[in-house]
Structures are given as structure tokens and as C-alpha cells.
């Protein structure tokens, strides 16, 4: 299950980083993920509950943070969700 979760976050990360070149006219992936509360809740929950001692999860956390950063760039009012 852990490997699947890592691969899904890696795929989401790739989509979010490259969404402006996937479809020529925009940021469809970022815009759709910004509106998906379930995904946002999962990403924030993942960071909040991260066990920083687990070095093998470092790349996973990096991908999650990159996704959140890219989403924040499209929708800065997300900062209200961060306490």
C-alpha cells in the first residue's frame, strides 16, 4: 500500500509541475486539485502527521510539499486552511 501511495503522489506531482504544458492553454490540473477538498485534506494531513525520522519517506514528503506549493501558487487563499 505504501508503494502505491508513493507512486500516486509522484504522479500527481508530475501532473502539477507539467500541467501548463499538458494542455496548451492553462493549468487544468492545478485548478481541479485546488477545488478538491478531499485531496487537499489528504495532502495537509500527510504533512502534519509525517514521521520525520523515517528517511525513506523523505522523497514522498518532498513531492507532497511540491504539490501543495504549486497549488498554493494558483490559489493563494489556501493559506486559510493552514493553521
PDB file of N, CA and C in Angstrom:
ATOM      1  N   UNK A   1       0.817  -1.201   0.000  1.00  0.00           N
ATOM      2  CA  UNK A   1       0.000   0.000   0.000  1.00  0.00           C
ATOM      3  C   UNK A   1       0.860   1.264   0.000  1.00  0.00           C
ATOM      4  N   UNK A   2       1.963   1.218   0.724  1.00  0.00           N
ATOM      5  CA  UNK A   2       2.839   2.379   0.804  1.00  0.00           C
ATOM      6  C   UNK A   2       3.428   2.732  -0.553  1.00  0.00           C
ATOM      7  N   UNK A   3       3.819   1.720  -1.328  1.00  0.00           N
ATOM      8  CA  UNK A   3       4.384   1.970  -2.652  1.00  0.00           C
ATOM      9  C   UNK A   3       3.355   2.597  -3.583  1.00  0.00           C
ATOM     10  N   UNK A   4       2.127   2.138  -3.491  1.00  0.00           N
ATOM     11  CA  UNK A   4       1.059   2.693  -4.328  1.00  0.00           C
ATOM     12  C   UNK A   4       0.831   4.160  -3.974  1.00  0.00           C
ATOM     13  N   UNK A   5       0.799   4.443  -2.687  1.00  0.00           N
ATOM     14  CA  UNK A   5       0.617   5.822  -2.233  1.00  0.00           C
ATOM     15  C   UNK A   5       1.747   6.722  -2.736  1.00  0.00           C
ATOM     16  N   UNK A   6       2.958   6.234  -2.681  1.00  0.00           N
ATOM     17  CA  UNK A   6       4.111   6.993  -3.165  1.00  0.00           C
ATOM     18  C   UNK A   6       4.002   7.242  -4.669  1.00  0.00           C
ATOM     19  N   UNK A   7       3.631   6.223  -5.413  1.00  0.00           N
ATOM     20  CA  UNK A   7       3.512   6.368  -6.865  1.00  0.00           C
ATOM     21  C   UNK A   7       2.400   7.344  -7.240  1.00  0.00           C
ATOM     22  N   UNK A   8       1.293   7.302  -6.514  1.00  0.00           N
ATOM     23  CA  UNK A   8       0.195   8.224  -6.806  1.00  0.00           C
ATOM     24  C   UNK A   8       0.581   9.676  -6.525  1.00  0.00           C
ATOM     25  N   UNK A   9       1.285   9.898  -5.434  1.00  0.00           N
ATOM     26  CA  UNK A   9       1.746  11.257  -5.128  1.00  0.00           C
ATOM     27  C   UNK A   9       2.787  11.701  -6.147  1.00  0.00           C
ATOM     28  N   UNK A  10       3.654  10.783  -6.574  1.00  0.00           N
ATOM     29  CA  UNK A  10       4.642  11.114  -7.595  1.00  0.00           C
ATOM     30  C   UNK A  10       3.952  11.483  -8.911  1.00  0.00           C
ATOM     31  N   UNK A  11       2.925  10.751  -9.277  1.00  0.00           N
ATOM     32  CA  UNK A  11       2.165  11.052 -10.489  1.00  0.00           C
ATOM     33  C   UNK A  11       1.460  12.405 -10.371  1.00  0.00           C
ATOM     34  N   UNK A  12       0.830  12.669  -9.242  1.00  0.00           N
ATOM     35  CA  UNK A  12       0.180  13.957  -9.021  1.00  0.00           C
ATOM     36  C   UNK A  12       1.205  15.079  -9.091  1.00  0.00           C
ATOM     37  N   UNK A  13       2.360  14.864  -8.504  1.00  0.00           N
ATOM     38  CA  UNK A  13       3.439  15.841  -8.555  1.00  0.00           C
ATOM     39  C   UNK A  13       3.840  16.133 -10.001  1.00  0.00           C
ATOM     40  N   UNK A  14       4.012  15.092 -10.802  1.00  0.00           N
ATOM     41  CA  UNK A  14       4.374  15.276 -12.211  1.00  0.00           C
ATOM     42  C   UNK A  14       3.296  16.052 -12.965  1.00  0.00           C
ATOM     43  N   UNK A  15       2.033  15.716 -12.716  1.00  0.00           N
ATOM     44  CA  UNK A  15       0.932  16.432 -13.372  1.00  0.00           C
ATOM     45  C   UNK A  15       0.901  17.908 -12.970  1.00  0.00           C
ATOM     46  N   UNK A  16       1.083  18.166 -11.686  1.00  0.00           N
ATOM     47  CA  UNK A  16       1.013  19.540 -11.197  1.00  0.00           C
ATOM     48  C   UNK A  16       2.183  20.370 -11.724  1.00  0.00           C
ATOM     49  N   UNK A  17       3.341  19.786 -11.793  1.00  0.00           N
ATOM     50  CA  UNK A  17       4.513  20.508 -12.303  1.00  0.00           C
ATOM     51  C   UNK A  17       4.381  20.810 -13.788  1.00  0.00           C
ATOM     52  N   UNK A  18       3.814  19.871 -14.541  1.00  0.00           N
ATOM     53  CA  UNK A  18       3.788  19.997 -16.000  1.00  0.00           C
ATOM     54  C   UNK A  18       2.421  20.316 -16.583  1.00  0.00           C
ATOM     55  N   UNK A  19       1.449  20.694 -15.755  1.00  0.00           N
ATOM     56  CA  UNK A  19       0.102  20.867 -16.284  1.00  0.00           C
ATOM     57  C   UNK A  19      -0.007  21.990 -17.305  1.00  0.00           C
ATOM     58  N   UNK A  20       0.838  22.995 -17.225  1.00  0.00           N
ATOM     59  CA  UNK A  20       0.777  24.076 -18.206  1.00  0.00           C
ATOM     60  C   UNK A  20       1.254  23.632 -19.585  1.00  0.00           C
ATOM     61  N   UNK A  21       1.991  22.541 -19.658  1.00  0.00           N
ATOM     62  CA  UNK A  21       2.435  22.042 -20.963  1.00  0.00           C
ATOM     63  C   UNK A  21       1.629  20.831 -21.441  1.00  0.00           C
ATOM     64  N   UNK A  22       0.777  20.277 -20.575  1.00  0.00           N
ATOM     65  CA  UNK A  22      -0.056  19.146 -20.980  1.00  0.00           C
ATOM     66  C   UNK A  22      -1.144  19.632 -21.923  1.00  0.00           C
ATOM     67  N   UNK A  23      -1.827  20.679 -21.512  1.00  0.00           N
ATOM     68  CA  UNK A  23      -2.828  21.326 -22.357  1.00  0.00           C
ATOM     69  C   UNK A  23      -2.333  22.747 -22.555  1.00  0.00           C
ATOM     70  N   UNK A  24      -2.270  23.167 -23.774  1.00  0.00           N
ATOM     71  CA  UNK A  24      -1.597  24.414 -24.129  1.00  0.00           C
ATOM     72  C   UNK A  24      -2.146  25.671 -23.460  1.00  0.00           C
ATOM     73  N   UNK A  25      -3.373  25.669 -23.041  1.00  0.00           N
ATOM     74  CA  UNK A  25      -3.959  26.924 -22.589  1.00  0.00           C
ATOM     75  C   UNK A  25      -4.210  27.033 -21.099  1.00  0.00           C
ATOM     76  N   UNK A  26      -3.512  26.288 -20.279  1.00  0.00           N
ATOM     77  CA  UNK A  26      -3.808  26.528 -18.881  1.00  0.00           C
ATOM     78  C   UNK A  26      -3.304  25.554 -17.859  1.00  0.00           C
ATOM     79  N   UNK A  27      -3.892  25.690 -16.709  1.00  0.00           N
ATOM     80  CA  UNK A  27      -3.490  24.972 -15.511  1.00  0.00           C
ATOM     81  C   UNK A  27      -4.650  24.124 -15.002  1.00  0.00           C
ATOM     82  N   UNK A  28      -5.163  23.259 -15.838  1.00  0.00           N
ATOM     83  CA  UNK A  28      -6.350  22.481 -15.507  1.00  0.00           C
ATOM     84  C   UNK A  28      -6.132  21.557 -14.308  1.00  0.00           C
ATOM     85  N   UNK A  29      -4.979  20.942 -14.222  1.00  0.00           N
ATOM     86  CA  UNK A  29      -4.714  20.014 -13.113  1.00  0.00           C
ATOM     87  C   UNK A  29      -4.689  20.778 -11.797  1.00  0.00           C
ATOM     88  N   UNK A  30      -3.956  21.870 -11.747  1.00  0.00           N
ATOM     89  CA  UNK A  30      -3.870  22.656 -10.509  1.00  0.00           C
ATOM     90  C   UNK A  30      -5.229  23.217 -10.112  1.00  0.00           C
ATOM     91  N   UNK A  31      -5.950  23.754 -11.081  1.00  0.00           N
ATOM     92  CA  UNK A  31      -7.259  24.319 -10.772  1.00  0.00           C
ATOM     93  C   UNK A  31      -8.213  23.256 -10.242  1.00  0.00           C
ATOM     94  N   UNK A  32      -8.203  22.081 -10.848  1.00  0.00           N
ATOM     95  CA  UNK A  32      -9.086  20.999 -10.401  1.00  0.00           C
ATOM     96  C   UNK A  32      -8.699  20.513  -9.010  1.00  0.00           C
ATOM     97  N   UNK A  33      -7.406  20.374  -8.733  1.00  0.00           N
ATOM     98  CA  UNK A  33      -6.965  19.907  -7.415  1.00  0.00           C
ATOM     99  C   UNK A  33      -7.222  20.954  -6.340  1.00  0.00           C
ATOM    100  N   UNK A  34      -7.151  22.228  -6.683  1.00  0.00           N
ATOM    101  CA  UNK A  34      -7.438  23.284  -5.704  1.00  0.00           C
ATOM    102  C   UNK A  34      -8.877  23.229  -5.234  1.00  0.00           C
ATOM    103  N   UNK A  35      -9.755  22.727  -6.069  1.00  0.00           N
ATOM    104  CA  UNK A  35     -11.174  22.644  -5.722  1.00  0.00           C
ATOM    105  C   UNK A  35     -11.543  21.312  -5.069  1.00  0.00           C
ATOM    106  N   UNK A  36     -10.622  20.391  -5.018  1.00  0.00           N
ATOM    107  CA  UNK A  36     -10.891  19.059  -4.467  1.00  0.00           C
ATOM    108  C   UNK A  36     -10.495  19.012  -2.990  1.00  0.00           C
ATOM    109  N   UNK A  37     -11.462  19.224  -2.126  1.00  0.00           N
ATOM    110  CA  UNK A  37     -11.181  19.260  -0.687  1.00  0.00           C
ATOM    111  C   UNK A  37     -10.609  17.949  -0.166  1.00  0.00           C
ATOM    112  N   UNK A  38     -11.019  16.834  -0.739  1.00  0.00           N
ATOM    113  CA  UNK A  38     -10.509  15.542  -0.296  1.00  0.00           C
ATOM    114  C   UNK A  38      -9.013  15.417  -0.518  1.00  0.00           C
ATOM    115  N   UNK A  39      -8.553  15.838  -1.680  1.00  0.00           N
ATOM    116  CA  UNK A  39      -7.118  15.783  -1.990  1.00  0.00           C
ATOM    117  C   UNK A  39      -6.359  16.753  -1.102  1.00  0.00           C
ATOM    118  N   UNK A  40      -6.866  17.966  -0.956  1.00  0.00           N
ATOM    119  CA  UNK A  40      -6.190  18.951  -0.114  1.00  0.00           C
ATOM    120  C   UNK A  40      -6.100  18.477   1.331  1.00  0.00           C
ATOM    121  N   UNK A  41      -7.199  17.927   1.841  1.00  0.00           N
ATOM    122  CA  UNK A  41      -7.187  17.402   3.210  1.00  0.00           C
ATOM    123  C   UNK A  41      -6.134  16.308   3.361  1.00  0.00           C
ATOM    124  N   UNK A  42      -6.059  15.414   2.379  1.00  0.00           N
ATOM    125  CA  UNK A  42      -5.086  14.325   2.426  1.00  0.00           C
ATOM    126  C   UNK A  42      -3.660  14.878   2.416  1.00  0.00           C
ATOM    127  N   UNK A  43      -3.386  15.852   1.552  1.00  0.00           N
ATOM    128  CA  UNK A  43      -2.037  16.412   1.452  1.00  0.00           C
ATOM    129  C   UNK A  43      -1.639  17.104   2.751  1.00  0.00           C
ATOM    130  N   UNK A  44      -2.531  17.922   3.301  1.00  0.00           N
ATOM    131  CA  UNK A  44      -2.225  18.598   4.566  1.00  0.00           C
ATOM    132  C   UNK A  44      -2.068  17.597   5.705  1.00  0.00           C
ATOM    133  N   UNK A  45      -2.935  16.616   5.747  1.00  0.00           N
ATOM    134  CA  UNK A  45      -2.879  15.583   6.783  1.00  0.00           C
ATOM    135  C   UNK A  45      -1.563  14.807   6.705  1.00  0.00           C
ATOM    136  N   UNK A  46      -1.122  14.530   5.502  1.00  0.00           N
ATOM    137  CA  UNK A  46       0.129  13.810   5.292  1.00  0.00           C
ATOM    138  C   UNK A  46       1.311  14.580   5.866  1.00  0.00           C
ATOM    139  N   UNK A  47       1.334  15.884   5.632  1.00  0.00           N
ATOM    140  CA  UNK A  47       2.439  16.702   6.137  1.00  0.00           C
ATOM    141  C   UNK A  47       2.360  16.848   7.650  1.00  0.00           C
ATOM    142  N   UNK A  48       1.181  17.069   8.172  1.00  0.00           N
ATOM    143  CA  UNK A  48       1.013  17.247   9.616  1.00  0.00           C
ATOM    144  C   UNK A  48       1.411  15.983  10.373  1.00  0.00           C
ATOM    145  N   UNK A  49       1.053  14.822   9.831  1.00  0.00           N
ATOM    146  CA  UNK A  49       1.301  13.560  10.522  1.00  0.00           C
ATOM    147  C   UNK A  49       2.598  12.875  10.092  1.00  0.00           C
ATOM    148  N   UNK A  50       3.443  13.559   9.361  1.00  0.00           N
ATOM    149  CA  UNK A  50       4.675  12.947   8.862  1.00  0.00           C
ATOM    150  C   UNK A  50       5.617  12.591  10.004  1.00  0.00           C
ATOM    151  N   UNK A  51       6.192  11.412   9.896  1.00  0.00           N
ATOM    152  CA  UNK A  51       7.215  10.980  10.839  1.00  0.00           C
ATOM    153  C   UNK A  51       8.565  11.356  10.228  1.00  0.00           C
ATOM    154  N   UNK A  52       9.130  12.433  10.699  1.00  0.00           N
ATOM    155  CA  UNK A  52      10.358  12.959  10.111  1.00  0.00           C
ATOM    156  C   UNK A  52      11.560  12.058  10.343  1.00  0.00           C
ATOM    157  N   UNK A  53      11.433  11.096  11.223  1.00  0.00           N
ATOM    158  CA  UNK A  53      12.508  10.154  11.484  1.00  0.00           C
ATOM    159  C   UNK A  53      12.626   9.100  10.379  1.00  0.00           C
ATOM    160  N   UNK A  54      11.565   8.907   9.610  1.00  0.00           N
ATOM    161  CA  UNK A  54      11.574   7.894   8.545  1.00  0.00           C
ATOM    162  C   UNK A  54      12.214   8.487   7.283  1.00  0.00           C
ATOM    163  N   UNK A  55      13.472   8.217   7.120  1.00  0.00           N
ATOM    164  CA  UNK A  55      14.217   8.789   5.998  1.00  0.00           C
ATOM    165  C   UNK A  55      13.733   8.288   4.648  1.00  0.00           C
ATOM    166  N   UNK A  56      13.179   7.078   4.601  1.00  0.00           N
ATOM    167  CA  UNK A  56      12.707   6.539   3.324  1.00  0.00           C
ATOM    168  C   UNK A  56      11.474   7.289   2.814  1.00  0.00           C
ATOM    169  N   UNK A  57      10.828   8.070   3.664  1.00  0.00           N
ATOM    170  CA  UNK A  57       9.666   8.853   3.249  1.00  0.00           C
ATOM    171  C   UNK A  57      10.032  10.284   2.866  1.00  0.00           C
ATOM    172  N   UNK A  58      11.287  10.608   2.841  1.00  0.00           N
ATOM    173  CA  UNK A  58      11.715  11.978   2.544  1.00  0.00           C
ATOM    174  C   UNK A  58      11.261  12.417   1.157  1.00  0.00           C
ATOM    175  N   UNK A  59      11.433  11.560   0.157  1.00  0.00           N
ATOM    176  CA  UNK A  59      11.024  11.927  -1.193  1.00  0.00           C
ATOM    177  C   UNK A  59       9.507  12.061  -1.282  1.00  0.00           C
ATOM    178  N   UNK A  60       8.784  11.226  -0.570  1.00  0.00           N
ATOM    179  CA  UNK A  60       7.323  11.313  -0.522  1.00  0.00           C
ATOM    180  C   UNK A  60       6.893  12.668   0.026  1.00  0.00           C
ATOM    181  N   UNK A  61       7.482  13.072   1.150  1.00  0.00           N
ATOM    182  CA  UNK A  61       7.157  14.369   1.745  1.00  0.00           C
ATOM    183  C   UNK A  61       7.534  15.507   0.801  1.00  0.00           C
ATOM    184  N   UNK A  62       8.652  15.365   0.120  1.00  0.00           N
ATOM    185  CA  UNK A  62       9.087  16.384  -0.831  1.00  0.00           C
ATOM    186  C   UNK A  62       8.057  16.554  -1.949  1.00  0.00           C
ATOM    187  N   UNK A  63       7.556  15.440  -2.464  1.00  0.00           N
ATOM    188  CA  UNK A  63       6.532  15.510  -3.519  1.00  0.00           C
ATOM    189  C   UNK A  63       5.248  16.153  -3.003  1.00  0.00           C
ATOM    190  N   UNK A  64       4.848  15.795  -1.800  1.00  0.00           N
ATOM    191  CA  UNK A  64       3.628  16.378  -1.223  1.00  0.00           C
ATOM    192  C   UNK A  64       3.795  17.889  -1.055  1.00  0.00           C
ATOM    193  N   UNK A  65       4.932  18.316  -0.536  1.00  0.00           N
ATOM    194  CA  UNK A  65       5.185  19.744  -0.364  1.00  0.00           C
ATOM    195  C   UNK A  65       5.238  20.481  -1.695  1.00  0.00           C
ATOM    196  N   UNK A  66       5.816  19.850  -2.712  1.00  0.00           N
ATOM    197  CA  UNK A  66       5.857  20.464  -4.041  1.00  0.00           C
ATOM    198  C   UNK A  66       4.457  20.628  -4.599  1.00  0.00           C
ATOM    199  N   UNK A  67       3.629  19.611  -4.444  1.00  0.00           N
ATOM    200  CA  UNK A  67       2.241  19.692  -4.910  1.00  0.00           C
ATOM    201  C   UNK A  67       1.517  20.832  -4.189  1.00  0.00           C
ATOM    202  N   UNK A  68       1.640  20.888  -2.871  1.00  0.00           N
ATOM    203  CA  UNK A  68       0.988  21.952  -2.116  1.00  0.00           C
ATOM    204  C   UNK A  68       1.493  23.333  -2.533  1.00  0.00           C
ATOM    205  N   UNK A  69       2.776  23.457  -2.766  1.00  0.00           N
ATOM    206  CA  UNK A  69       3.345  24.737  -3.196  1.00  0.00           C
ATOM    207  C   UNK A  69       2.782  25.156  -4.551  1.00  0.00           C
ATOM    208  N   UNK A  70       2.732  24.230  -5.497  1.00  0.00           N
ATOM    209  CA  UNK A  70       2.202  24.544  -6.828  1.00  0.00           C
ATOM    210  C   UNK A  70       0.718  24.902  -6.766  1.00  0.00           C
ATOM    211  N   UNK A  71      -0.028  24.213  -5.923  1.00  0.00           N
ATOM    212  CA  UNK A  71      -1.443  24.529  -5.769  1.00  0.00           C
ATOM    213  C   UNK A  71      -1.611  25.905  -5.125  1.00  0.00           C
ATOM    214  N   UNK A  72      -0.769  26.194  -4.161  1.00  0.00           N
ATOM    215  CA  UNK A  72      -0.819  27.500  -3.499  1.00  0.00           C
ATOM    216  C   UNK A  72      -0.520  28.625  -4.482  1.00  0.00           C
ATOM    217  N   UNK A  73       0.374  28.380  -5.432  1.00  0.00           N
ATOM    218  CA  UNK A  73       0.676  29.393  -6.438  1.00  0.00           C
ATOM    219  C   UNK A  73      -0.567  29.767  -7.251  1.00  0.00           C
ATOM    220  N   UNK A  74      -1.427  28.800  -7.506  1.00  0.00           N
ATOM    221  CA  UNK A  74      -2.654  29.050  -8.272  1.00  0.00           C
ATOM    222  C   UNK A  74      -3.766  29.605  -7.397  1.00  0.00           C
ATOM    223  N   UNK A  75      -3.762  29.275  -6.128  1.00  0.00           N
ATOM    224  CA  UNK A  75      -4.857  29.684  -5.245  1.00  0.00           C
ATOM    225  C   UNK A  75      -4.284  30.088  -3.881  1.00  0.00           C
ATOM    226  N   UNK A  76      -3.752  31.313  -3.787  1.00  0.00           N
ATOM    227  CA  UNK A  76      -3.121  31.760  -2.537  1.00  0.00           C
ATOM    228  C   UNK A  76      -4.068  31.802  -1.344  1.00  0.00           C
ATOM    229  N   UNK A  77      -5.373  31.839  -1.562  1.00  0.00           N
ATOM    230  CA  UNK A  77      -6.281  31.865  -0.419  1.00  0.00           C
ATOM    231  C   UNK A  77      -6.356  30.514   0.300  1.00  0.00           C
ATOM    232  N   UNK A  78      -5.585  29.544  -0.169  1.00  0.00           N
ATOM    233  CA  UNK A  78      -5.470  28.265   0.539  1.00  0.00           C
ATOM    234  C   UNK A  78      -4.822  28.450   1.901  1.00  0.00           C
ATOM    235  N   UNK A  79      -4.126  29.559   2.100  1.00  0.00           N
ATOM    236  CA  UNK A  79      -3.433  29.778   3.367  1.00  0.00           C
ATOM    237  C   UNK A  79      -4.406  29.792   4.548  1.00  0.00           C
ATOM    238  N   UNK A  80      -5.694  30.023   4.273  1.00  0.00           N
ATOM    239  CA  UNK A  80      -6.692  29.980   5.336  1.00  0.00           C
ATOM    240  C   UNK A  80      -6.838  28.572   5.896  1.00  0.00           C
ATOM    241  N   UNK A  81      -6.497  27.556   5.107  1.00  0.00           N
ATOM    242  CA  UNK A  81      -6.597  26.163   5.551  1.00  0.00           C
ATOM    243  C   UNK A  81      -5.455  25.768   6.463  1.00  0.00           C
ATOM    244  N   UNK A  82      -4.361  26.521   6.404  1.00  0.00           N
ATOM    245  CA  UNK A  82      -3.181  26.195   7.206  1.00  0.00           C
ATOM    246  C   UNK A  82      -3.259  26.951   8.529  1.00  0.00           C
ATOM    247  N   UNK A  83      -3.227  26.219   9.590  1.00  0.00           N
ATOM    248  CA  UNK A  83      -3.320  26.854  10.932  1.00  0.00           C
ATOM    249  C   UNK A  83      -1.975  26.990  11.556  1.00  0.00           C
TER     250      UNK A  83
END
